């Protein structure tokens, strides 16, 4: 059982990504030859049922870890999202594939940039797929959404969309492999270096779209 949140590690704890400082200086060949994140695949291959219990933030690698489990329990305080595109990369542990299968393409594309979903939506009811709700009405969040997309790295945004779209065209195993290769390829871009450096330095990134 994988548990994250207040009960697991104290108030305010979260699983908000995997080793950005360690990944930041890596290049394409470094990521490809070491097959970064390959060890995580073993969790999905376990023969015994696995359970993820989330009561805080599960963003990036934390969200992917939760989706690797067979049963996903989300408290009212659980927040799920795949914001890897902010530091100039894409999901690399199957996030684009499992998330799209769980919530559909539109919500997956929304959750990748900056729209994490919470444990319950209005009225206290739950949606199919991941436990979650939109943060505001579509008409109100449209302008902000356009600004968010405009601020992304263009090649990374294209890779993210390509990975999400592939979820409908192939098996989960092949989709994860496709995503993993795109994830490795991102490390050949200048935007990955700038995005992760900006994340570590806690400043806005200045993407050059290359």
N, C-alpha and C. Protein backbone atom coordinates (compact mmCIF):
# COMPACT_ATOMS: atom_id res chain seq x y z
N UNK A 1 0.84 -1.19 0.00
CA UNK A 1 0.00 0.00 0.00
C UNK A 1 0.88 1.24 0.00
N UNK A 2 0.66 2.12 -0.96
CA UNK A 2 1.38 3.40 -1.03
C UNK A 2 0.49 4.47 -0.44
N UNK A 3 0.99 5.16 0.58
CA UNK A 3 0.18 6.16 1.27
C UNK A 3 0.91 7.49 1.28
N UNK A 4 0.18 8.56 0.98
CA UNK A 4 0.77 9.89 0.99
C UNK A 4 -0.21 10.89 1.55
N UNK A 5 0.30 11.86 2.30
CA UNK A 5 -0.58 12.88 2.87
C UNK A 5 -0.28 13.10 4.33
N UNK A 6 -1.22 13.67 5.04
CA UNK A 6 -1.00 14.05 6.43
C UNK A 6 -0.71 12.85 7.31
N UNK A 7 -1.44 11.74 7.07
CA UNK A 7 -1.23 10.57 7.91
C UNK A 7 0.13 9.93 7.67
N UNK A 8 0.65 10.05 6.44
CA UNK A 8 1.89 9.37 6.09
C UNK A 8 3.12 10.13 6.55
N UNK A 9 3.09 11.45 6.43
CA UNK A 9 4.34 12.18 6.68
C UNK A 9 4.14 13.55 7.29
N UNK A 10 3.01 13.76 7.95
CA UNK A 10 2.80 15.04 8.60
C UNK A 10 2.03 16.01 7.73
N UNK A 11 1.44 17.01 8.35
CA UNK A 11 0.61 17.97 7.64
C UNK A 11 1.41 18.68 6.57
N UNK A 12 0.75 18.89 5.43
CA UNK A 12 1.37 19.63 4.35
C UNK A 12 2.27 18.79 3.46
N UNK A 13 2.36 17.49 3.70
CA UNK A 13 3.22 16.66 2.87
C UNK A 13 2.60 16.45 1.52
N UNK A 14 3.42 16.07 0.55
CA UNK A 14 2.91 15.84 -0.79
C UNK A 14 3.87 14.99 -1.57
N UNK A 15 3.41 14.53 -2.73
CA UNK A 15 4.27 13.84 -3.69
C UNK A 15 4.20 14.66 -4.96
N UNK A 16 5.08 15.61 -5.11
CA UNK A 16 4.95 16.61 -6.17
C UNK A 16 6.06 16.52 -7.20
N UNK A 17 6.47 15.32 -7.56
CA UNK A 17 7.45 15.22 -8.63
C UNK A 17 8.63 14.36 -8.24
N UNK A 18 9.45 14.04 -9.21
CA UNK A 18 10.52 13.08 -8.97
C UNK A 18 11.86 13.65 -9.39
N UNK A 19 12.69 14.08 -8.42
CA UNK A 19 14.10 14.37 -8.63
C UNK A 19 14.44 15.39 -9.69
N UNK A 20 13.82 16.57 -9.67
CA UNK A 20 14.10 17.56 -10.70
C UNK A 20 15.56 18.00 -10.64
N UNK A 21 16.10 18.20 -9.44
CA UNK A 21 17.50 18.61 -9.33
C UNK A 21 18.44 17.57 -9.92
N UNK A 22 18.12 16.29 -9.72
CA UNK A 22 18.96 15.23 -10.26
C UNK A 22 18.84 15.12 -11.77
N UNK A 23 17.65 15.37 -12.30
CA UNK A 23 17.44 15.24 -13.74
C UNK A 23 17.91 16.45 -14.53
N UNK A 24 17.91 17.63 -13.92
CA UNK A 24 18.15 18.87 -14.64
C UNK A 24 19.39 18.85 -15.54
N UNK A 25 20.55 18.38 -15.08
CA UNK A 25 21.74 18.44 -15.93
C UNK A 25 21.86 17.31 -16.94
N UNK A 26 20.95 16.35 -16.91
CA UNK A 26 21.06 15.19 -17.78
C UNK A 26 20.78 15.55 -19.24
N UNK A 27 21.42 14.82 -20.16
CA UNK A 27 21.17 14.99 -21.58
C UNK A 27 20.37 13.82 -22.13
N UNK A 28 20.08 13.86 -23.41
CA UNK A 28 19.27 12.81 -24.03
C UNK A 28 19.90 11.43 -23.86
N UNK A 29 21.20 11.30 -24.17
CA UNK A 29 21.84 9.99 -24.06
C UNK A 29 21.88 9.49 -22.62
N UNK A 30 22.07 10.41 -21.67
CA UNK A 30 22.05 10.02 -20.26
C UNK A 30 20.71 9.38 -19.90
N UNK A 31 19.63 10.03 -20.32
CA UNK A 31 18.29 9.54 -19.97
C UNK A 31 17.96 8.25 -20.73
N UNK A 32 18.36 8.19 -21.99
CA UNK A 32 18.03 7.02 -22.80
C UNK A 32 18.81 5.79 -22.36
N UNK A 33 20.11 5.94 -22.14
CA UNK A 33 20.95 4.80 -21.79
C UNK A 33 20.62 4.24 -20.41
N UNK A 34 20.28 5.12 -19.47
CA UNK A 34 19.93 4.65 -18.13
C UNK A 34 18.46 4.26 -18.04
N UNK A 35 17.66 4.62 -19.06
CA UNK A 35 16.22 4.36 -19.07
C UNK A 35 15.60 4.82 -17.76
N UNK A 36 15.77 6.11 -17.50
CA UNK A 36 15.30 6.74 -16.27
C UNK A 36 13.83 6.40 -16.04
N UNK A 37 13.48 6.01 -14.84
CA UNK A 37 12.13 5.64 -14.40
C UNK A 37 11.76 4.20 -14.74
N UNK A 38 12.64 3.44 -15.39
CA UNK A 38 12.28 2.06 -15.75
C UNK A 38 11.93 1.23 -14.52
N UNK A 39 12.60 1.50 -13.40
CA UNK A 39 12.34 0.72 -12.18
C UNK A 39 10.91 0.88 -11.70
N UNK A 40 10.28 2.03 -12.00
CA UNK A 40 8.91 2.26 -11.56
C UNK A 40 7.94 1.29 -12.23
N UNK A 41 8.29 0.81 -13.41
CA UNK A 41 7.39 -0.08 -14.14
C UNK A 41 7.11 -1.37 -13.36
N UNK A 42 8.02 -1.74 -12.48
CA UNK A 42 7.85 -2.99 -11.73
C UNK A 42 6.64 -2.94 -10.82
N UNK A 43 6.28 -1.74 -10.36
CA UNK A 43 5.11 -1.63 -9.48
C UNK A 43 3.85 -2.11 -10.19
N UNK A 44 3.72 -1.73 -11.45
CA UNK A 44 2.55 -2.15 -12.21
C UNK A 44 2.55 -3.61 -12.58
N UNK A 45 3.70 -4.28 -12.40
CA UNK A 45 3.81 -5.69 -12.75
C UNK A 45 3.68 -6.62 -11.55
N UNK A 46 3.50 -6.04 -10.36
CA UNK A 46 3.35 -6.88 -9.17
C UNK A 46 2.12 -7.77 -9.29
N UNK A 47 2.21 -8.98 -8.81
CA UNK A 47 1.10 -9.92 -8.91
C UNK A 47 0.06 -9.69 -7.82
N UNK A 48 0.48 -9.08 -6.72
CA UNK A 48 -0.47 -8.80 -5.64
C UNK A 48 -1.13 -7.44 -5.87
N UNK A 49 -2.39 -7.27 -5.48
CA UNK A 49 -3.06 -5.98 -5.65
C UNK A 49 -2.37 -4.88 -4.86
N UNK A 50 -2.30 -3.70 -5.46
CA UNK A 50 -1.67 -2.55 -4.81
C UNK A 50 -2.70 -1.44 -4.61
N UNK A 51 -2.53 -0.68 -3.53
CA UNK A 51 -3.48 0.37 -3.18
C UNK A 51 -2.71 1.67 -2.96
N UNK A 52 -3.22 2.75 -3.53
CA UNK A 52 -2.68 4.09 -3.28
C UNK A 52 -3.72 4.88 -2.50
N UNK A 53 -3.31 5.45 -1.37
CA UNK A 53 -4.20 6.28 -0.55
C UNK A 53 -3.61 7.68 -0.51
N UNK A 54 -4.33 8.65 -1.07
CA UNK A 54 -3.81 10.01 -1.21
C UNK A 54 -4.69 10.98 -0.43
N UNK A 55 -4.06 11.81 0.41
CA UNK A 55 -4.81 12.82 1.14
C UNK A 55 -4.16 14.19 1.04
N UNK A 56 -3.22 14.34 0.13
CA UNK A 56 -2.56 15.63 -0.09
C UNK A 56 -2.30 15.81 -1.57
N UNK A 57 -1.19 16.45 -1.90
CA UNK A 57 -0.84 16.67 -3.30
C UNK A 57 -0.20 15.43 -3.90
N UNK A 58 -0.69 15.02 -5.06
CA UNK A 58 -0.08 13.95 -5.85
C UNK A 58 0.13 14.52 -7.25
N UNK A 59 1.25 15.19 -7.43
CA UNK A 59 1.53 15.88 -8.68
C UNK A 59 2.75 15.27 -9.36
N UNK A 60 2.72 15.22 -10.68
CA UNK A 60 3.84 14.68 -11.42
C UNK A 60 4.06 13.21 -11.11
N UNK A 61 5.26 12.88 -10.62
CA UNK A 61 5.57 11.50 -10.29
C UNK A 61 4.66 10.93 -9.22
N UNK A 62 4.18 11.78 -8.31
CA UNK A 62 3.25 11.31 -7.28
C UNK A 62 1.93 10.85 -7.86
N UNK A 63 1.43 11.58 -8.85
CA UNK A 63 0.20 11.20 -9.53
C UNK A 63 0.41 9.92 -10.32
N UNK A 64 1.56 9.82 -10.98
CA UNK A 64 1.86 8.62 -11.76
C UNK A 64 2.00 7.39 -10.87
N UNK A 65 2.63 7.57 -9.70
CA UNK A 65 2.74 6.47 -8.75
C UNK A 65 1.36 6.00 -8.31
N UNK A 66 0.47 6.95 -8.02
CA UNK A 66 -0.89 6.60 -7.59
C UNK A 66 -1.62 5.82 -8.68
N UNK A 67 -1.46 6.25 -9.93
CA UNK A 67 -2.16 5.59 -11.03
C UNK A 67 -1.57 4.23 -11.37
N UNK A 68 -0.33 3.98 -10.95
CA UNK A 68 0.28 2.66 -11.16
C UNK A 68 -0.37 1.60 -10.28
N UNK A 69 -0.99 2.04 -9.18
CA UNK A 69 -1.61 1.09 -8.26
C UNK A 69 -2.95 0.60 -8.80
N UNK A 70 -3.39 -0.54 -8.31
CA UNK A 70 -4.64 -1.15 -8.79
C UNK A 70 -5.87 -0.43 -8.24
N UNK A 71 -5.77 0.06 -7.01
CA UNK A 71 -6.89 0.75 -6.37
C UNK A 71 -6.40 2.12 -5.92
N UNK A 72 -7.14 3.16 -6.27
CA UNK A 72 -6.74 4.52 -5.92
C UNK A 72 -7.81 5.15 -5.03
N UNK A 73 -7.44 5.47 -3.80
CA UNK A 73 -8.34 6.10 -2.84
C UNK A 73 -7.90 7.54 -2.64
N UNK A 74 -8.81 8.48 -2.88
CA UNK A 74 -8.49 9.89 -2.73
C UNK A 74 -9.37 10.55 -1.69
N UNK A 75 -8.76 11.17 -0.68
CA UNK A 75 -9.52 11.91 0.33
C UNK A 75 -10.02 13.22 -0.26
N UNK A 76 -10.87 13.92 0.50
CA UNK A 76 -11.37 15.22 0.04
C UNK A 76 -10.24 16.20 -0.20
N UNK A 77 -9.12 16.00 0.49
CA UNK A 77 -7.98 16.92 0.37
C UNK A 77 -6.99 16.50 -0.71
N UNK A 78 -7.26 15.41 -1.41
CA UNK A 78 -6.34 14.93 -2.44
C UNK A 78 -6.37 15.85 -3.66
N UNK A 79 -5.20 16.11 -4.23
CA UNK A 79 -5.07 16.94 -5.43
C UNK A 79 -4.18 16.20 -6.41
N UNK A 80 -4.70 15.94 -7.62
CA UNK A 80 -3.96 15.20 -8.63
C UNK A 80 -3.62 16.10 -9.82
N UNK A 81 -2.46 15.88 -10.42
CA UNK A 81 -2.11 16.66 -11.60
C UNK A 81 -0.81 16.20 -12.21
N UNK A 82 -0.59 16.56 -13.47
CA UNK A 82 0.64 16.24 -14.20
C UNK A 82 1.24 17.54 -14.75
N UNK A 83 1.85 18.35 -13.89
CA UNK A 83 2.35 19.66 -14.34
C UNK A 83 3.79 19.65 -14.85
N UNK A 84 4.27 18.49 -15.32
CA UNK A 84 5.67 18.41 -15.75
C UNK A 84 6.03 19.41 -16.84
N UNK A 85 5.04 19.83 -17.60
CA UNK A 85 5.32 20.74 -18.71
C UNK A 85 5.82 22.09 -18.21
N UNK A 86 5.50 22.44 -16.98
CA UNK A 86 5.97 23.72 -16.43
C UNK A 86 7.50 23.79 -16.37
N UNK A 87 8.18 22.74 -15.87
CA UNK A 87 9.65 22.77 -15.92
C UNK A 87 10.22 22.24 -17.22
N UNK A 88 9.43 22.19 -18.28
CA UNK A 88 9.96 21.89 -19.60
C UNK A 88 10.11 20.43 -19.95
N UNK A 89 9.32 19.54 -19.33
CA UNK A 89 9.36 18.12 -19.69
C UNK A 89 7.93 17.61 -19.82
N UNK A 90 7.78 16.30 -20.02
CA UNK A 90 6.47 15.68 -20.08
C UNK A 90 6.44 14.52 -19.08
N UNK A 91 5.28 13.95 -18.79
CA UNK A 91 5.27 12.76 -17.92
C UNK A 91 6.15 11.66 -18.49
N UNK A 92 6.77 10.87 -17.60
CA UNK A 92 7.67 9.82 -18.06
C UNK A 92 7.42 8.47 -17.44
N UNK A 93 6.38 8.36 -16.60
CA UNK A 93 6.10 7.09 -15.93
C UNK A 93 4.69 6.61 -16.30
N UNK A 94 4.25 6.99 -17.48
CA UNK A 94 2.94 6.55 -17.95
C UNK A 94 1.81 7.50 -17.65
N UNK A 95 2.12 8.70 -17.15
CA UNK A 95 1.07 9.64 -16.78
C UNK A 95 0.17 10.04 -17.94
N UNK A 96 0.76 10.28 -19.11
CA UNK A 96 -0.05 10.69 -20.25
C UNK A 96 -0.97 9.57 -20.73
N UNK A 97 -0.61 8.33 -20.44
CA UNK A 97 -1.39 7.19 -20.89
C UNK A 97 -2.48 6.81 -19.88
N UNK A 98 -2.10 6.65 -18.63
CA UNK A 98 -3.08 6.23 -17.62
C UNK A 98 -4.07 7.34 -17.29
N UNK A 99 -3.59 8.58 -17.24
CA UNK A 99 -4.49 9.69 -16.94
C UNK A 99 -5.52 9.85 -18.05
N UNK A 100 -5.09 9.77 -19.30
CA UNK A 100 -6.02 9.92 -20.43
C UNK A 100 -7.06 8.81 -20.43
N UNK A 101 -6.65 7.60 -20.11
CA UNK A 101 -7.60 6.49 -20.05
C UNK A 101 -8.58 6.66 -18.89
N UNK A 102 -8.14 7.31 -17.82
CA UNK A 102 -8.98 7.45 -16.63
C UNK A 102 -9.99 8.59 -16.75
N UNK A 103 -9.57 9.72 -17.34
CA UNK A 103 -10.43 10.90 -17.31
C UNK A 103 -10.78 11.44 -18.69
N UNK A 104 -10.20 10.87 -19.77
CA UNK A 104 -10.49 11.37 -21.11
C UNK A 104 -9.46 12.39 -21.56
N UNK A 105 -9.43 12.62 -22.88
CA UNK A 105 -8.40 13.49 -23.46
C UNK A 105 -8.52 14.93 -22.98
N UNK A 106 -9.73 15.49 -22.97
CA UNK A 106 -9.89 16.91 -22.63
C UNK A 106 -9.40 17.21 -21.22
N UNK A 107 -9.80 16.38 -20.25
CA UNK A 107 -9.37 16.62 -18.87
C UNK A 107 -7.89 16.31 -18.69
N UNK A 108 -7.38 15.32 -19.42
CA UNK A 108 -5.95 15.02 -19.32
C UNK A 108 -5.12 16.18 -19.84
N UNK A 109 -5.52 16.77 -20.96
CA UNK A 109 -4.79 17.91 -21.50
C UNK A 109 -4.89 19.11 -20.56
N UNK A 110 -5.99 19.21 -19.84
CA UNK A 110 -6.18 20.30 -18.89
C UNK A 110 -5.31 20.10 -17.65
N UNK A 111 -5.21 18.86 -17.18
CA UNK A 111 -4.48 18.59 -15.95
C UNK A 111 -2.97 18.60 -16.15
N UNK A 112 -2.50 18.43 -17.38
CA UNK A 112 -1.06 18.43 -17.61
C UNK A 112 -0.43 19.80 -17.35
N UNK A 113 -0.96 20.91 -17.87
CA UNK A 113 -0.30 22.19 -17.62
C UNK A 113 -0.43 22.69 -16.19
N UNK A 114 -1.67 23.04 -15.76
CA UNK A 114 -1.76 23.68 -14.44
C UNK A 114 -3.12 23.52 -13.80
N UNK A 115 -3.89 22.52 -14.17
CA UNK A 115 -5.22 22.38 -13.60
C UNK A 115 -5.34 21.11 -12.76
N UNK A 116 -4.71 21.07 -11.59
CA UNK A 116 -4.87 19.89 -10.75
C UNK A 116 -6.32 19.73 -10.32
N UNK A 117 -6.73 18.50 -10.10
CA UNK A 117 -8.11 18.23 -9.70
C UNK A 117 -8.14 17.77 -8.25
N UNK A 118 -9.18 18.21 -7.55
CA UNK A 118 -9.30 17.99 -6.12
C UNK A 118 -10.15 16.76 -5.81
N UNK A 119 -10.15 16.39 -4.53
CA UNK A 119 -10.81 15.16 -4.11
C UNK A 119 -12.30 15.12 -4.36
N UNK A 120 -12.99 16.25 -4.29
CA UNK A 120 -14.42 16.29 -4.55
C UNK A 120 -14.74 17.53 -5.36
N UNK A 121 -15.81 17.46 -6.15
CA UNK A 121 -16.26 18.66 -6.84
C UNK A 121 -17.56 19.13 -6.22
N UNK A 122 -18.15 20.13 -6.79
CA UNK A 122 -19.33 20.76 -6.18
C UNK A 122 -20.41 19.74 -5.89
N UNK A 123 -21.02 19.88 -4.71
CA UNK A 123 -22.09 18.98 -4.31
C UNK A 123 -21.59 17.76 -3.57
N UNK A 124 -20.24 17.61 -3.47
CA UNK A 124 -19.68 16.50 -2.72
C UNK A 124 -19.69 15.18 -3.45
N UNK A 125 -20.08 15.14 -4.72
CA UNK A 125 -20.10 13.89 -5.47
C UNK A 125 -18.80 13.69 -6.21
N UNK A 126 -18.59 12.46 -6.66
CA UNK A 126 -17.34 12.13 -7.34
C UNK A 126 -17.59 11.88 -8.82
N UNK A 127 -16.53 12.08 -9.62
CA UNK A 127 -16.58 11.82 -11.04
C UNK A 127 -15.97 10.45 -11.33
N UNK A 128 -16.24 9.89 -12.52
CA UNK A 128 -15.55 8.66 -12.90
C UNK A 128 -14.06 8.94 -13.08
N UNK A 129 -13.24 7.89 -13.01
CA UNK A 129 -11.81 8.05 -13.21
C UNK A 129 -11.12 8.47 -11.92
N UNK A 130 -10.16 9.37 -12.01
CA UNK A 130 -9.48 9.87 -10.82
C UNK A 130 -10.47 10.65 -9.97
N UNK A 131 -10.33 10.59 -8.64
CA UNK A 131 -11.15 11.46 -7.81
C UNK A 131 -10.80 12.90 -8.13
N UNK A 132 -11.77 13.71 -8.55
CA UNK A 132 -11.40 15.08 -8.90
C UNK A 132 -12.57 15.96 -9.26
N UNK A 133 -12.30 17.26 -9.36
CA UNK A 133 -13.30 18.22 -9.79
C UNK A 133 -12.59 19.39 -10.46
N UNK A 134 -13.26 20.09 -11.38
CA UNK A 134 -12.66 21.31 -11.93
C UNK A 134 -12.57 22.38 -10.86
N UNK A 135 -11.60 23.26 -10.97
CA UNK A 135 -11.43 24.30 -9.97
C UNK A 135 -12.39 25.47 -10.17
N UNK A 136 -12.88 25.65 -11.39
CA UNK A 136 -13.82 26.72 -11.66
C UNK A 136 -14.57 26.39 -12.94
N UNK A 137 -15.55 27.20 -13.29
CA UNK A 137 -16.34 26.93 -14.47
C UNK A 137 -15.54 27.19 -15.73
N UNK A 138 -15.80 26.43 -16.82
CA UNK A 138 -15.02 26.59 -18.05
C UNK A 138 -15.00 28.01 -18.57
N UNK A 139 -16.14 28.71 -18.54
CA UNK A 139 -16.18 30.06 -19.09
C UNK A 139 -15.28 31.01 -18.33
N UNK A 140 -15.09 30.75 -17.03
CA UNK A 140 -14.27 31.64 -16.21
C UNK A 140 -12.79 31.33 -16.35
N UNK A 141 -12.44 30.07 -16.63
CA UNK A 141 -11.03 29.74 -16.68
C UNK A 141 -10.46 29.76 -18.09
N UNK A 142 -11.30 30.04 -19.10
CA UNK A 142 -10.81 30.05 -20.47
C UNK A 142 -9.66 31.00 -20.72
N UNK A 143 -9.79 32.31 -20.40
CA UNK A 143 -8.70 33.24 -20.67
C UNK A 143 -7.41 32.86 -19.99
N UNK A 144 -7.49 32.40 -18.73
CA UNK A 144 -6.28 31.99 -18.02
C UNK A 144 -5.66 30.78 -18.69
N UNK A 145 -6.51 29.86 -19.16
CA UNK A 145 -6.00 28.67 -19.83
C UNK A 145 -5.23 29.02 -21.08
N UNK A 146 -5.72 29.99 -21.86
CA UNK A 146 -5.01 30.39 -23.07
C UNK A 146 -3.65 30.98 -22.72
N UNK A 147 -3.60 31.77 -21.64
CA UNK A 147 -2.33 32.35 -21.22
C UNK A 147 -1.34 31.28 -20.79
N UNK A 148 -1.85 30.25 -20.13
CA UNK A 148 -0.98 29.17 -19.68
C UNK A 148 -0.38 28.44 -20.87
N UNK A 149 -1.20 28.12 -21.86
CA UNK A 149 -0.71 27.43 -23.05
C UNK A 149 0.32 28.28 -23.78
N UNK A 150 0.07 29.58 -23.88
CA UNK A 150 0.99 30.47 -24.57
C UNK A 150 2.35 30.54 -23.87
N UNK A 151 2.36 30.29 -22.57
CA UNK A 151 3.61 30.36 -21.82
C UNK A 151 4.40 29.07 -21.80
N UNK A 152 3.89 28.01 -22.45
CA UNK A 152 4.59 26.73 -22.47
C UNK A 152 5.69 26.72 -23.51
N UNK A 153 6.60 25.77 -23.36
CA UNK A 153 7.56 25.49 -24.42
C UNK A 153 6.81 24.83 -25.57
N UNK A 154 6.93 25.37 -26.77
CA UNK A 154 6.20 24.84 -27.91
C UNK A 154 6.55 23.39 -28.22
N UNK A 155 7.84 23.02 -28.35
CA UNK A 155 8.13 21.61 -28.66
C UNK A 155 7.69 20.66 -27.55
N UNK A 156 7.79 21.08 -26.29
CA UNK A 156 7.38 20.22 -25.19
C UNK A 156 5.86 20.07 -25.18
N UNK A 157 5.13 21.16 -25.45
CA UNK A 157 3.68 21.08 -25.53
C UNK A 157 3.25 20.15 -26.66
N UNK A 158 3.96 20.19 -27.78
CA UNK A 158 3.65 19.31 -28.90
C UNK A 158 3.88 17.85 -28.53
N UNK A 159 4.98 17.59 -27.81
CA UNK A 159 5.26 16.22 -27.37
C UNK A 159 4.20 15.72 -26.39
N UNK A 160 3.78 16.60 -25.48
CA UNK A 160 2.76 16.22 -24.50
C UNK A 160 1.45 15.87 -25.19
N UNK A 161 1.05 16.68 -26.16
CA UNK A 161 -0.19 16.38 -26.89
C UNK A 161 -0.07 15.09 -27.68
N UNK A 162 1.09 14.88 -28.30
CA UNK A 162 1.30 13.65 -29.08
C UNK A 162 1.21 12.42 -28.18
N UNK A 163 1.78 12.52 -26.97
CA UNK A 163 1.73 11.40 -26.04
C UNK A 163 0.30 11.12 -25.59
N UNK A 164 -0.44 12.17 -25.25
CA UNK A 164 -1.83 11.99 -24.81
C UNK A 164 -2.67 11.37 -25.93
N UNK A 165 -2.49 11.86 -27.15
CA UNK A 165 -3.26 11.33 -28.28
C UNK A 165 -2.94 9.87 -28.54
N UNK A 166 -1.71 9.45 -28.29
CA UNK A 166 -1.32 8.07 -28.54
C UNK A 166 -2.07 7.09 -27.63
N UNK A 167 -2.58 7.59 -26.51
CA UNK A 167 -3.29 6.71 -25.57
C UNK A 167 -4.50 6.06 -26.22
N UNK A 168 -5.08 6.70 -27.25
CA UNK A 168 -6.27 6.15 -27.90
C UNK A 168 -5.92 5.26 -29.09
N UNK A 169 -4.65 5.16 -29.42
CA UNK A 169 -4.26 4.49 -30.66
C UNK A 169 -3.47 3.20 -30.44
N UNK A 170 -3.15 2.87 -29.19
CA UNK A 170 -2.29 1.72 -28.95
C UNK A 170 -2.59 1.11 -27.59
N UNK A 171 -1.87 0.04 -27.26
CA UNK A 171 -2.03 -0.59 -25.95
C UNK A 171 -1.35 0.26 -24.88
N UNK A 172 -1.65 -0.03 -23.63
CA UNK A 172 -1.04 0.71 -22.54
C UNK A 172 0.48 0.51 -22.54
N UNK A 173 0.93 -0.72 -22.74
CA UNK A 173 2.37 -0.99 -22.72
C UNK A 173 3.10 -0.21 -23.81
N UNK A 174 2.56 -0.23 -25.03
CA UNK A 174 3.19 0.50 -26.12
C UNK A 174 3.07 2.00 -25.92
N UNK A 175 1.95 2.44 -25.34
CA UNK A 175 1.79 3.87 -25.08
C UNK A 175 2.80 4.38 -24.07
N UNK A 176 3.04 3.61 -23.01
CA UNK A 176 4.03 4.00 -22.00
C UNK A 176 5.42 4.02 -22.62
N UNK A 177 5.73 3.05 -23.47
CA UNK A 177 7.04 3.03 -24.14
C UNK A 177 7.20 4.26 -25.03
N UNK A 178 6.15 4.61 -25.76
CA UNK A 178 6.19 5.80 -26.63
C UNK A 178 6.40 7.06 -25.80
N UNK A 179 5.65 7.19 -24.71
CA UNK A 179 5.82 8.34 -23.82
C UNK A 179 7.24 8.41 -23.26
N UNK A 180 7.78 7.26 -22.86
CA UNK A 180 9.12 7.23 -22.27
C UNK A 180 10.17 7.72 -23.26
N UNK A 181 10.04 7.36 -24.53
CA UNK A 181 11.02 7.80 -25.53
C UNK A 181 10.89 9.31 -25.78
N UNK A 182 9.67 9.82 -25.78
CA UNK A 182 9.50 11.27 -25.91
C UNK A 182 10.07 11.98 -24.68
N UNK A 183 9.86 11.39 -23.52
CA UNK A 183 10.41 11.96 -22.29
C UNK A 183 11.93 12.06 -22.38
N UNK A 184 12.58 11.01 -22.86
CA UNK A 184 14.03 11.05 -23.04
C UNK A 184 14.42 12.14 -24.04
N UNK A 185 13.65 12.25 -25.13
CA UNK A 185 13.97 13.21 -26.18
C UNK A 185 13.90 14.65 -25.70
N UNK A 186 13.03 14.93 -24.74
CA UNK A 186 12.91 16.29 -24.21
C UNK A 186 14.25 16.80 -23.68
N UNK A 187 15.09 15.88 -23.20
CA UNK A 187 16.37 16.28 -22.61
C UNK A 187 17.41 16.68 -23.65
N UNK A 188 17.02 16.68 -24.91
CA UNK A 188 17.88 17.22 -25.96
C UNK A 188 17.51 18.67 -26.28
N UNK A 189 16.54 19.23 -25.56
CA UNK A 189 16.07 20.59 -25.84
C UNK A 189 16.65 21.60 -24.86
N UNK A 190 16.77 22.83 -25.34
CA UNK A 190 17.20 23.92 -24.46
C UNK A 190 16.11 24.27 -23.45
N UNK A 191 14.86 24.07 -23.83
CA UNK A 191 13.75 24.41 -22.93
C UNK A 191 13.72 23.52 -21.70
N UNK A 192 14.15 22.27 -21.83
CA UNK A 192 14.22 21.41 -20.65
C UNK A 192 15.24 21.96 -19.66
N UNK A 193 16.39 22.37 -20.16
CA UNK A 193 17.42 22.92 -19.28
C UNK A 193 16.93 24.21 -18.61
N UNK A 194 16.31 25.08 -19.40
CA UNK A 194 15.81 26.34 -18.85
C UNK A 194 14.67 26.10 -17.87
N UNK A 195 13.74 25.21 -18.23
CA UNK A 195 12.59 24.97 -17.38
C UNK A 195 12.96 24.40 -16.03
N UNK A 196 13.85 23.41 -16.02
CA UNK A 196 14.24 22.80 -14.75
C UNK A 196 15.12 23.73 -13.93
N UNK A 197 15.98 24.50 -14.60
CA UNK A 197 16.79 25.47 -13.87
C UNK A 197 15.91 26.53 -13.21
N UNK A 198 14.89 26.98 -13.95
CA UNK A 198 13.97 27.97 -13.40
C UNK A 198 13.20 27.40 -12.22
N UNK A 199 12.81 26.12 -12.32
CA UNK A 199 12.08 25.48 -11.22
C UNK A 199 12.95 25.42 -9.97
N UNK A 200 14.20 25.01 -10.14
CA UNK A 200 15.11 24.91 -9.00
C UNK A 200 15.38 26.29 -8.40
N UNK A 201 15.51 27.30 -9.27
CA UNK A 201 15.80 28.67 -8.81
C UNK A 201 14.55 29.42 -8.36
N UNK A 202 13.37 28.78 -8.53
CA UNK A 202 12.09 29.38 -8.14
C UNK A 202 11.85 30.71 -8.85
N UNK A 203 11.98 30.68 -10.17
CA UNK A 203 11.73 31.86 -11.00
C UNK A 203 10.94 31.43 -12.23
N UNK A 204 10.28 32.36 -12.92
CA UNK A 204 9.55 32.00 -14.14
C UNK A 204 10.53 31.56 -15.24
N UNK A 205 10.19 30.54 -16.01
CA UNK A 205 11.08 30.11 -17.09
C UNK A 205 11.00 31.05 -18.29
N UNK A 206 12.08 31.13 -19.04
CA UNK A 206 12.12 31.91 -20.27
C UNK A 206 12.41 30.95 -21.42
N UNK A 207 11.36 30.33 -21.92
CA UNK A 207 11.51 29.33 -22.96
C UNK A 207 11.88 29.97 -24.30
N UNK A 208 12.73 29.28 -25.05
CA UNK A 208 13.14 29.75 -26.38
C UNK A 208 12.51 28.89 -27.47
N UNK A 209 11.69 27.91 -27.07
CA UNK A 209 10.99 27.03 -27.99
C UNK A 209 11.96 26.24 -28.87
N UNK A 210 12.98 25.74 -28.22
CA UNK A 210 13.95 24.94 -28.94
C UNK A 210 14.69 24.00 -28.01
